[in-house]
Amino acid sequence: MEKDFKEKVIRAAQITWDIIGDDCLVDEDGKPDLSVTMSKDEVIEMVSDAGRMYYQGGLSRDEMKQFYSLNEKEKEKIMNEAFTFNTYGW
């Protein structure tokens, strides 16, 4: 895997979380809630699902295809570099 590609995916994942994180860390009424946290695994799932790194993170369609074609271990390694904390919150 090329270093440039890996760095693009990491950056796209972080940008995506910056955009969608506020919408994820809310209470049942959709209001920001400082007590709400998400695990690293939940964040990774939200970020890497539904083409969000394409729509919000800036990856091209070809880069998304390349990311989705990686085996699970390779994807996990990249995403663990992008998200280093065990939990995410406000």
PDB file of N, CA and C in Angstrom:
ATOM      1  N   MET A   1       0.844  -1.174   0.000  1.00  0.00           N
ATOM      2  CA  MET A   1       0.000   0.000   0.000  1.00  0.00           C
ATOM      3  C   MET A   1       0.893   1.242   0.000  1.00  0.00           C
ATOM      4  N   GLU A   2       0.519   2.176  -0.812  1.00  0.00           N
ATOM      5  CA  GLU A   2       1.310   3.398  -0.929  1.00  0.00           C
ATOM      6  C   GLU A   2       1.110   4.290   0.301  1.00  0.00           C
ATOM      7  N   LYS A   3       2.202   4.924   0.714  1.00  0.00           N
ATOM      8  CA  LYS A   3       2.161   5.813   1.871  1.00  0.00           C
ATOM      9  C   LYS A   3       1.205   6.981   1.629  1.00  0.00           C
ATOM     10  N   ASP A   4       1.228   7.558   0.420  1.00  0.00           N
ATOM     11  CA  ASP A   4       0.352   8.692   0.108  1.00  0.00           C
ATOM     12  C   ASP A   4      -1.118   8.311   0.246  1.00  0.00           C
ATOM     13  N   PHE A   5      -1.466   7.119  -0.237  1.00  0.00           N
ATOM     14  CA  PHE A   5      -2.850   6.658  -0.150  1.00  0.00           C
ATOM     15  C   PHE A   5      -3.258   6.510   1.319  1.00  0.00           C
ATOM     16  N   LYS A   6      -2.425   5.881   2.094  1.00  0.00           N
ATOM     17  CA  LYS A   6      -2.713   5.682   3.519  1.00  0.00           C
ATOM     18  C   LYS A   6      -2.910   7.024   4.213  1.00  0.00           C
ATOM     19  N   GLU A   7      -2.048   7.980   3.935  1.00  0.00           N
ATOM     20  CA  GLU A   7      -2.163   9.303   4.554  1.00  0.00           C
ATOM     21  C   GLU A   7      -3.449  10.007   4.124  1.00  0.00           C
ATOM     22  N   LYS A   8      -3.849   9.832   2.854  1.00  0.00           N
ATOM     23  CA  LYS A   8      -5.104  10.427   2.381  1.00  0.00           C
ATOM     24  C   LYS A   8      -6.297   9.830   3.112  1.00  0.00           C
ATOM     25  N   VAL A   9      -6.285   8.524   3.303  1.00  0.00           N
ATOM     26  CA  VAL A   9      -7.391   7.868   3.994  1.00  0.00           C
ATOM     27  C   VAL A   9      -7.445   8.322   5.448  1.00  0.00           C
ATOM     28  N   ILE A  10      -6.315   8.385   6.102  1.00  0.00           N
ATOM     29  CA  ILE A  10      -6.274   8.841   7.494  1.00  0.00           C
ATOM     30  C   ILE A  10      -6.833  10.251   7.596  1.00  0.00           C
ATOM     31  N   ARG A  11      -6.391  11.122   6.732  1.00  0.00           N
ATOM     32  CA  ARG A  11      -6.870  12.512   6.763  1.00  0.00           C
ATOM     33  C   ARG A  11      -8.358  12.578   6.443  1.00  0.00           C
ATOM     34  N   ALA A  12      -8.810  11.818   5.461  1.00  0.00           N
ATOM     35  CA  ALA A  12     -10.230  11.807   5.106  1.00  0.00           C
ATOM     36  C   ALA A  12     -11.077  11.288   6.262  1.00  0.00           C
ATOM     37  N   ALA A  13     -10.591  10.271   6.961  1.00  0.00           N
ATOM     38  CA  ALA A  13     -11.317   9.730   8.111  1.00  0.00           C
ATOM     39  C   ALA A  13     -11.434  10.788   9.205  1.00  0.00           C
ATOM     40  N   GLN A  14     -10.359  11.489   9.478  1.00  0.00           N
ATOM     41  CA  GLN A  14     -10.376  12.523  10.520  1.00  0.00           C
ATOM     42  C   GLN A  14     -11.281  13.692  10.138  1.00  0.00           C
ATOM     43  N   ILE A  15     -11.233  14.100   8.886  1.00  0.00           N
ATOM     44  CA  ILE A  15     -12.115  15.176   8.414  1.00  0.00           C
ATOM     45  C   ILE A  15     -13.571  14.746   8.534  1.00  0.00           C
ATOM     46  N   THR A  16     -13.840  13.509   8.136  1.00  0.00           N
ATOM     47  CA  THR A  16     -15.204  12.994   8.208  1.00  0.00           C
ATOM     48  C   THR A  16     -15.709  13.020   9.639  1.00  0.00           C
ATOM     49  N   TRP A  17     -14.892  12.564  10.591  1.00  0.00           N
ATOM     50  CA  TRP A  17     -15.315  12.591  11.987  1.00  0.00           C
ATOM     51  C   TRP A  17     -15.530  14.024  12.458  1.00  0.00           C
ATOM     52  N   ASP A  18     -14.678  14.942  12.044  1.00  0.00           N
ATOM     53  CA  ASP A  18     -14.857  16.347  12.419  1.00  0.00           C
ATOM     54  C   ASP A  18     -16.220  16.858  11.945  1.00  0.00           C
ATOM     55  N   ILE A  19     -16.664  16.386  10.801  1.00  0.00           N
ATOM     56  CA  ILE A  19     -17.943  16.842  10.241  1.00  0.00           C
ATOM     57  C   ILE A  19     -19.127  16.143  10.893  1.00  0.00           C
ATOM     58  N   ILE A  20     -19.060  14.836  11.068  1.00  0.00           N
ATOM     59  CA  ILE A  20     -20.228  14.093  11.558  1.00  0.00           C
ATOM     60  C   ILE A  20     -20.251  13.895  13.067  1.00  0.00           C
ATOM     61  N   GLY A  21     -19.135  14.099  13.735  1.00  0.00           N
ATOM     62  CA  GLY A  21     -19.051  13.822  15.165  1.00  0.00           C
ATOM     63  C   GLY A  21     -20.079  14.559  15.991  1.00  0.00           C
ATOM     64  N   ASP A  22     -20.295  15.833  15.688  1.00  0.00           N
ATOM     65  CA  ASP A  22     -21.274  16.617  16.446  1.00  0.00           C
ATOM     66  C   ASP A  22     -22.670  16.006  16.358  1.00  0.00           C
ATOM     67  N   ASP A  23     -23.010  15.424  15.221  1.00  0.00           N
ATOM     68  CA  ASP A  23     -24.329  14.817  15.037  1.00  0.00           C
ATOM     69  C   ASP A  23     -24.444  13.463  15.731  1.00  0.00           C
ATOM     70  N   CYS A  24     -23.321  12.866  16.078  1.00  0.00           N
ATOM     71  CA  CYS A  24     -23.323  11.556  16.736  1.00  0.00           C
ATOM     72  C   CYS A  24     -23.351  11.672  18.250  1.00  0.00           C
ATOM     73  N   LEU A  25     -22.828  12.747  18.772  1.00  0.00           N
ATOM     74  CA  LEU A  25     -22.677  12.911  20.222  1.00  0.00           C
ATOM     75  C   LEU A  25     -23.836  13.725  20.787  1.00  0.00           C
ATOM     76  N   VAL A  26     -25.038  13.155  20.648  1.00  0.00           N
ATOM     77  CA  VAL A  26     -26.253  13.857  21.051  1.00  0.00           C
ATOM     78  C   VAL A  26     -27.111  12.960  21.946  1.00  0.00           C
ATOM     79  N   ASP A  27     -28.076  13.604  22.623  1.00  0.00           N
ATOM     80  CA  ASP A  27     -29.008  12.844  23.441  1.00  0.00           C
ATOM     81  C   ASP A  27     -30.161  12.323  22.580  1.00  0.00           C
ATOM     82  N   GLU A  28     -31.149  11.741  23.225  1.00  0.00           N
ATOM     83  CA  GLU A  28     -32.286  11.156  22.499  1.00  0.00           C
ATOM     84  C   GLU A  28     -33.084  12.179  21.709  1.00  0.00           C
ATOM     85  N   ASP A  29     -32.997  13.445  22.105  1.00  0.00           N
ATOM     86  CA  ASP A  29     -33.718  14.512  21.413  1.00  0.00           C
ATOM     87  C   ASP A  29     -32.881  15.181  20.331  1.00  0.00           C
ATOM     88  N   GLY A  30     -31.663  14.672  20.120  1.00  0.00           N
ATOM     89  CA  GLY A  30     -30.804  15.243  19.096  1.00  0.00           C
ATOM     90  C   GLY A  30     -30.038  16.472  19.527  1.00  0.00           C
ATOM     91  N   LYS A  31     -30.001  16.709  20.834  1.00  0.00           N
ATOM     92  CA  LYS A  31     -29.277  17.867  21.360  1.00  0.00           C
ATOM     93  C   LYS A  31     -27.896  17.424  21.834  1.00  0.00           C
ATOM     94  N   PRO A  32     -26.875  18.271  21.640  1.00  0.00           N
ATOM     95  CA  PRO A  32     -25.532  17.924  22.120  1.00  0.00           C
ATOM     96  C   PRO A  32     -25.569  17.547  23.599  1.00  0.00           C
ATOM     97  N   ASP A  33     -24.876  16.478  23.931  1.00  0.00           N
ATOM     98  CA  ASP A  33     -24.871  15.975  25.303  1.00  0.00           C
ATOM     99  C   ASP A  33     -23.439  15.637  25.682  1.00  0.00           C
ATOM    100  N   LEU A  34     -22.907  16.382  26.649  1.00  0.00           N
ATOM    101  CA  LEU A  34     -21.519  16.199  27.053  1.00  0.00           C
ATOM    102  C   LEU A  34     -21.247  14.832  27.664  1.00  0.00           C
ATOM    103  N   SER A  35     -22.286  14.130  28.081  1.00  0.00           N
ATOM    104  CA  SER A  35     -22.087  12.814  28.684  1.00  0.00           C
ATOM    105  C   SER A  35     -22.025  11.690  27.641  1.00  0.00           C
ATOM    106  N   VAL A  36     -22.368  11.982  26.406  1.00  0.00           N
ATOM    107  CA  VAL A  36     -22.377  10.955  25.356  1.00  0.00           C
ATOM    108  C   VAL A  36     -20.956  10.729  24.853  1.00  0.00           C
ATOM    109  N   THR A  37     -20.573   9.471  24.794  1.00  0.00           N
ATOM    110  CA  THR A  37     -19.285   9.093  24.212  1.00  0.00           C
ATOM    111  C   THR A  37     -19.506   7.948  23.237  1.00  0.00           C
ATOM    112  N   MET A  38     -18.522   7.754  22.386  1.00  0.00           N
ATOM    113  CA  MET A  38     -18.541   6.636  21.444  1.00  0.00           C
ATOM    114  C   MET A  38     -17.203   5.929  21.523  1.00  0.00           C
ATOM    115  N   SER A  39     -17.227   4.618  21.374  1.00  0.00           N
ATOM    116  CA  SER A  39     -15.979   3.863  21.373  1.00  0.00           C
ATOM    117  C   SER A  39     -15.251   4.082  20.053  1.00  0.00           C
ATOM    118  N   LYS A  40     -13.982   3.789  20.062  1.00  0.00           N
ATOM    119  CA  LYS A  40     -13.188   3.886  18.834  1.00  0.00           C
ATOM    120  C   LYS A  40     -13.831   3.063  17.720  1.00  0.00           C
ATOM    121  N   ASP A  41     -14.264   1.853  18.034  1.00  0.00           N
ATOM    122  CA  ASP A  41     -14.882   0.984  17.031  1.00  0.00           C
ATOM    123  C   ASP A  41     -16.143   1.600  16.444  1.00  0.00           C
ATOM    124  N   GLU A  42     -16.951   2.239  17.284  1.00  0.00           N
ATOM    125  CA  GLU A  42     -18.165   2.903  16.793  1.00  0.00           C
ATOM    126  C   GLU A  42     -17.827   4.065  15.871  1.00  0.00           C
ATOM    127  N   VAL A  43     -16.822   4.838  16.251  1.00  0.00           N
ATOM    128  CA  VAL A  43     -16.399   5.967  15.419  1.00  0.00           C
ATOM    129  C   VAL A  43     -15.898   5.464  14.070  1.00  0.00           C
ATOM    130  N   ILE A  44     -15.072   4.448  14.094  1.00  0.00           N
ATOM    131  CA  ILE A  44     -14.531   3.897  12.845  1.00  0.00           C
ATOM    132  C   ILE A  44     -15.661   3.388  11.951  1.00  0.00           C
ATOM    133  N   GLU A  45     -16.628   2.710  12.537  1.00  0.00           N
ATOM    134  CA  GLU A  45     -17.751   2.215  11.750  1.00  0.00           C
ATOM    135  C   GLU A  45     -18.536   3.364  11.121  1.00  0.00           C
ATOM    136  N   MET A  46     -18.813   4.399  11.899  1.00  0.00           N
ATOM    137  CA  MET A  46     -19.563   5.549  11.378  1.00  0.00           C
ATOM    138  C   MET A  46     -18.806   6.244  10.252  1.00  0.00           C
ATOM    139  N   VAL A  47     -17.522   6.414  10.432  1.00  0.00           N
ATOM    140  CA  VAL A  47     -16.706   7.143   9.458  1.00  0.00           C
ATOM    141  C   VAL A  47     -16.541   6.361   8.160  1.00  0.00           C
ATOM    142  N   SER A  48     -16.327   5.054   8.280  1.00  0.00           N
ATOM    143  CA  SER A  48     -15.997   4.270   7.087  1.00  0.00           C
ATOM    144  C   SER A  48     -17.224   3.716   6.366  1.00  0.00           C
ATOM    145  N   ASP A  49     -18.413   3.929   6.919  1.00  0.00           N
ATOM    146  CA  ASP A  49     -19.638   3.406   6.338  1.00  0.00           C
ATOM    147  C   ASP A  49     -20.259   4.389   5.345  1.00  0.00           C
ATOM    148  N   ALA A  50     -21.004   3.855   4.411  1.00  0.00           N
ATOM    149  CA  ALA A  50     -21.879   4.637   3.522  1.00  0.00           C
ATOM    150  C   ALA A  50     -21.153   5.688   2.693  1.00  0.00           C
ATOM    151  N   GLY A  51     -19.906   5.463   2.383  1.00  0.00           N
ATOM    152  CA  GLY A  51     -19.176   6.397   1.526  1.00  0.00           C
ATOM    153  C   GLY A  51     -18.919   7.747   2.162  1.00  0.00           C
ATOM    154  N   ARG A  52     -18.964   7.812   3.483  1.00  0.00           N
ATOM    155  CA  ARG A  52     -18.798   9.111   4.144  1.00  0.00           C
ATOM    156  C   ARG A  52     -17.435   9.748   3.868  1.00  0.00           C
ATOM    157  N   MET A  53     -16.400   8.922   3.723  1.00  0.00           N
ATOM    158  CA  MET A  53     -15.080   9.514   3.446  1.00  0.00           C
ATOM    159  C   MET A  53     -15.015  10.077   2.032  1.00  0.00           C
ATOM    160  N   TYR A  54     -15.935   9.676   1.185  1.00  0.00           N
ATOM    161  CA  TYR A  54     -16.059  10.276  -0.155  1.00  0.00           C
ATOM    162  C   TYR A  54     -16.883  11.557  -0.052  1.00  0.00           C
ATOM    163  N   TYR A  55     -18.058  11.455   0.559  1.00  0.00           N
ATOM    164  CA  TYR A  55     -18.963  12.601   0.623  1.00  0.00           C
ATOM    165  C   TYR A  55     -18.469  13.712   1.542  1.00  0.00           C
ATOM    166  N   GLN A  56     -17.918  13.351   2.695  1.00  0.00           N
ATOM    167  CA  GLN A  56     -17.466  14.368   3.635  1.00  0.00           C
ATOM    168  C   GLN A  56     -15.947  14.499   3.705  1.00  0.00           C
ATOM    169  N   GLY A  57     -15.234  13.408   3.502  1.00  0.00           N
ATOM    170  CA  GLY A  57     -13.796  13.402   3.742  1.00  0.00           C
ATOM    171  C   GLY A  57     -12.909  13.779   2.578  1.00  0.00           C
ATOM    172  N   GLY A  58     -13.483  13.811   1.378  1.00  0.00           N
ATOM    173  CA  GLY A  58     -12.717  14.261   0.230  1.00  0.00           C
ATOM    174  C   GLY A  58     -11.984  13.190  -0.561  1.00  0.00           C
ATOM    175  N   LEU A  59     -12.197  11.908  -0.249  1.00  0.00           N
ATOM    176  CA  LEU A  59     -11.581  10.869  -1.074  1.00  0.00           C
ATOM    177  C   LEU A  59     -12.297  10.805  -2.421  1.00  0.00           C
ATOM    178  N   SER A  60     -11.553  10.473  -3.453  1.00  0.00           N
ATOM    179  CA  SER A  60     -12.164  10.293  -4.771  1.00  0.00           C
ATOM    180  C   SER A  60     -12.876   8.946  -4.814  1.00  0.00           C
ATOM    181  N   ARG A  61     -13.688   8.738  -5.829  1.00  0.00           N
ATOM    182  CA  ARG A  61     -14.365   7.439  -5.993  1.00  0.00           C
ATOM    183  C   ARG A  61     -13.340   6.311  -6.114  1.00  0.00           C
ATOM    184  N   ASP A  62     -12.280   6.560  -6.872  1.00  0.00           N
ATOM    185  CA  ASP A  62     -11.247   5.538  -7.033  1.00  0.00           C
ATOM    186  C   ASP A  62     -10.554   5.228  -5.713  1.00  0.00           C
ATOM    187  N   GLU A  63     -10.301   6.248  -4.919  1.00  0.00           N
ATOM    188  CA  GLU A  63      -9.677   6.030  -3.608  1.00  0.00           C
ATOM    189  C   GLU A  63     -10.615   5.264  -2.671  1.00  0.00           C
ATOM    190  N   MET A  64     -11.916   5.560  -2.757  1.00  0.00           N
ATOM    191  CA  MET A  64     -12.879   4.808  -1.949  1.00  0.00           C
ATOM    192  C   MET A  64     -12.902   3.345  -2.376  1.00  0.00           C
ATOM    193  N   LYS A  65     -12.902   3.106  -3.674  1.00  0.00           N
ATOM    194  CA  LYS A  65     -12.878   1.728  -4.173  1.00  0.00           C
ATOM    195  C   LYS A  65     -11.627   1.010  -3.685  1.00  0.00           C
ATOM    196  N   GLN A  66     -10.504   1.712  -3.738  1.00  0.00           N
ATOM    197  CA  GLN A  66      -9.251   1.117  -3.281  1.00  0.00           C
ATOM    198  C   GLN A  66      -9.331   0.801  -1.784  1.00  0.00           C
ATOM    199  N   PHE A  67      -9.885   1.712  -0.997  1.00  0.00           N
ATOM    200  CA  PHE A  67     -10.029   1.472   0.444  1.00  0.00           C
ATOM    201  C   PHE A  67     -10.922   0.257   0.700  1.00  0.00           C
ATOM    202  N   TYR A  68     -12.085   0.211   0.042  1.00  0.00           N
ATOM    203  CA  TYR A  68     -13.010  -0.899   0.257  1.00  0.00           C
ATOM    204  C   TYR A  68     -12.449  -2.228  -0.244  1.00  0.00           C
ATOM    205  N   SER A  69     -11.486  -2.191  -1.164  1.00  0.00           N
ATOM    206  CA  SER A  69     -10.895  -3.432  -1.672  1.00  0.00           C
ATOM    207  C   SER A  69      -9.812  -4.003  -0.743  1.00  0.00           C
ATOM    208  N   LEU A  70      -9.381  -3.213   0.233  1.00  0.00           N
ATOM    209  CA  LEU A  70      -8.384  -3.700   1.188  1.00  0.00           C
ATOM    210  C   LEU A  70      -8.996  -4.797   2.057  1.00  0.00           C
ATOM    211  N   ASN A  71      -8.151  -5.692   2.535  1.00  0.00           N
ATOM    212  CA  ASN A  71      -8.672  -6.692   3.465  1.00  0.00           C
ATOM    213  C   ASN A  71      -8.928  -6.023   4.816  1.00  0.00           C
ATOM    214  N   GLU A  72      -9.681  -6.697   5.661  1.00  0.00           N
ATOM    215  CA  GLU A  72     -10.102  -6.103   6.942  1.00  0.00           C
ATOM    216  C   GLU A  72      -8.926  -5.702   7.821  1.00  0.00           C
ATOM    217  N   LYS A  73      -7.879  -6.498   7.814  1.00  0.00           N
ATOM    218  CA  LYS A  73      -6.709  -6.188   8.642  1.00  0.00           C
ATOM    219  C   LYS A  73      -6.041  -4.884   8.181  1.00  0.00           C
ATOM    220  N   GLU A  74      -5.940  -4.677   6.869  1.00  0.00           N
ATOM    221  CA  GLU A  74      -5.340  -3.445   6.338  1.00  0.00           C
ATOM    222  C   GLU A  74      -6.204  -2.236   6.674  1.00  0.00           C
ATOM    223  N   LYS A  75      -7.528  -2.376   6.510  1.00  0.00           N
ATOM    224  CA  LYS A  75      -8.430  -1.275   6.844  1.00  0.00           C
ATOM    225  C   LYS A  75      -8.337  -0.932   8.331  1.00  0.00           C
ATOM    226  N   GLU A  76      -8.325  -1.966   9.149  1.00  0.00           N
ATOM    227  CA  GLU A  76      -8.246  -1.761  10.596  1.00  0.00           C
ATOM    228  C   GLU A  76      -6.966  -1.034  10.985  1.00  0.00           C
ATOM    229  N   LYS A  77      -5.866  -1.408  10.365  1.00  0.00           N
ATOM    230  CA  LYS A  77      -4.581  -0.761  10.669  1.00  0.00           C
ATOM    231  C   LYS A  77      -4.629   0.733  10.338  1.00  0.00           C
ATOM    232  N   ILE A  78      -5.155   1.070   9.182  1.00  0.00           N
ATOM    233  CA  ILE A  78      -5.252   2.478   8.774  1.00  0.00           C
ATOM    234  C   ILE A  78      -6.159   3.247   9.726  1.00  0.00           C
ATOM    235  N   MET A  79      -7.328   2.683  10.008  1.00  0.00           N
ATOM    236  CA  MET A  79      -8.295   3.400  10.842  1.00  0.00           C
ATOM    237  C   MET A  79      -7.806   3.535  12.281  1.00  0.00           C
ATOM    238  N   ASN A  80      -7.049   2.567  12.760  1.00  0.00           N
ATOM    239  CA  ASN A  80      -6.485   2.692  14.103  1.00  0.00           C
ATOM    240  C   ASN A  80      -5.409   3.768  14.168  1.00  0.00           C
ATOM    241  N   GLU A  81      -4.770   4.038  13.047  1.00  0.00           N
ATOM    242  CA  GLU A  81      -3.829   5.169  13.002  1.00  0.00           C
ATOM    243  C   GLU A  81      -4.575   6.493  12.965  1.00  0.00           C
ATOM    244  N   ALA A  82      -5.734   6.496  12.339  1.00  0.00           N
ATOM    245  CA  ALA A  82      -6.527   7.725  12.261  1.00  0.00           C
ATOM    246  C   ALA A  82      -7.160   8.065  13.602  1.00  0.00           C
ATOM    247  N   PHE A  83      -7.576   7.028  14.337  1.00  0.00           N
ATOM    248  CA  PHE A  83      -8.282   7.227  15.604  1.00  0.00           C
ATOM    249  C   PHE A  83      -7.522   6.497  16.704  1.00  0.00           C
ATOM    250  N   THR A  84      -6.858   7.266  17.525  1.00  0.00           N
ATOM    251  CA  THR A  84      -5.940   6.695  18.512  1.00  0.00           C
ATOM    252  C   THR A  84      -6.516   6.621  19.927  1.00  0.00           C
ATOM    253  N   PHE A  85      -7.650   7.267  20.171  1.00  0.00           N
ATOM    254  CA  PHE A  85      -8.249   7.230  21.507  1.00  0.00           C
ATOM    255  C   PHE A  85      -9.212   6.055  21.611  1.00  0.00           C
ATOM    256  N   ASN A  86      -9.421   5.564  22.829  1.00  0.00           N
ATOM    257  CA  ASN A  86     -10.372   4.461  23.045  1.00  0.00           C
ATOM    258  C   ASN A  86     -11.813   4.915  22.997  1.00  0.00           C
ATOM    259  N   THR A  87     -12.064   6.158  23.417  1.00  0.00           N
ATOM    260  CA  THR A  87     -13.412   6.731  23.363  1.00  0.00           C
ATOM    261  C   THR A  87     -13.342   8.149  22.822  1.00  0.00           C
ATOM    262  N   TYR A  88     -14.468   8.573  22.253  1.00  0.00           N
ATOM    263  CA  TYR A  88     -14.575   9.918  21.681  1.00  0.00           C
ATOM    264  C   TYR A  88     -15.803  10.593  22.239  1.00  0.00           C
ATOM    265  N   GLY A  89     -15.664  11.851  22.550  1.00  0.00           N
ATOM    266  CA  GLY A  89     -16.770  12.643  23.086  1.00  0.00           C
ATOM    267  C   GLY A  89     -16.430  14.118  22.986  1.00  0.00           C
ATOM    268  N   TRP A  90     -17.148  14.897  23.757  1.00  0.00           N
ATOM    269  CA  TRP A  90     -16.918  16.343  23.744  1.00  0.00           C
ATOM    270  C   TRP A  90     -15.693  16.597  24.542  1.00  0.00           C
TER     271      TRP A  90
END
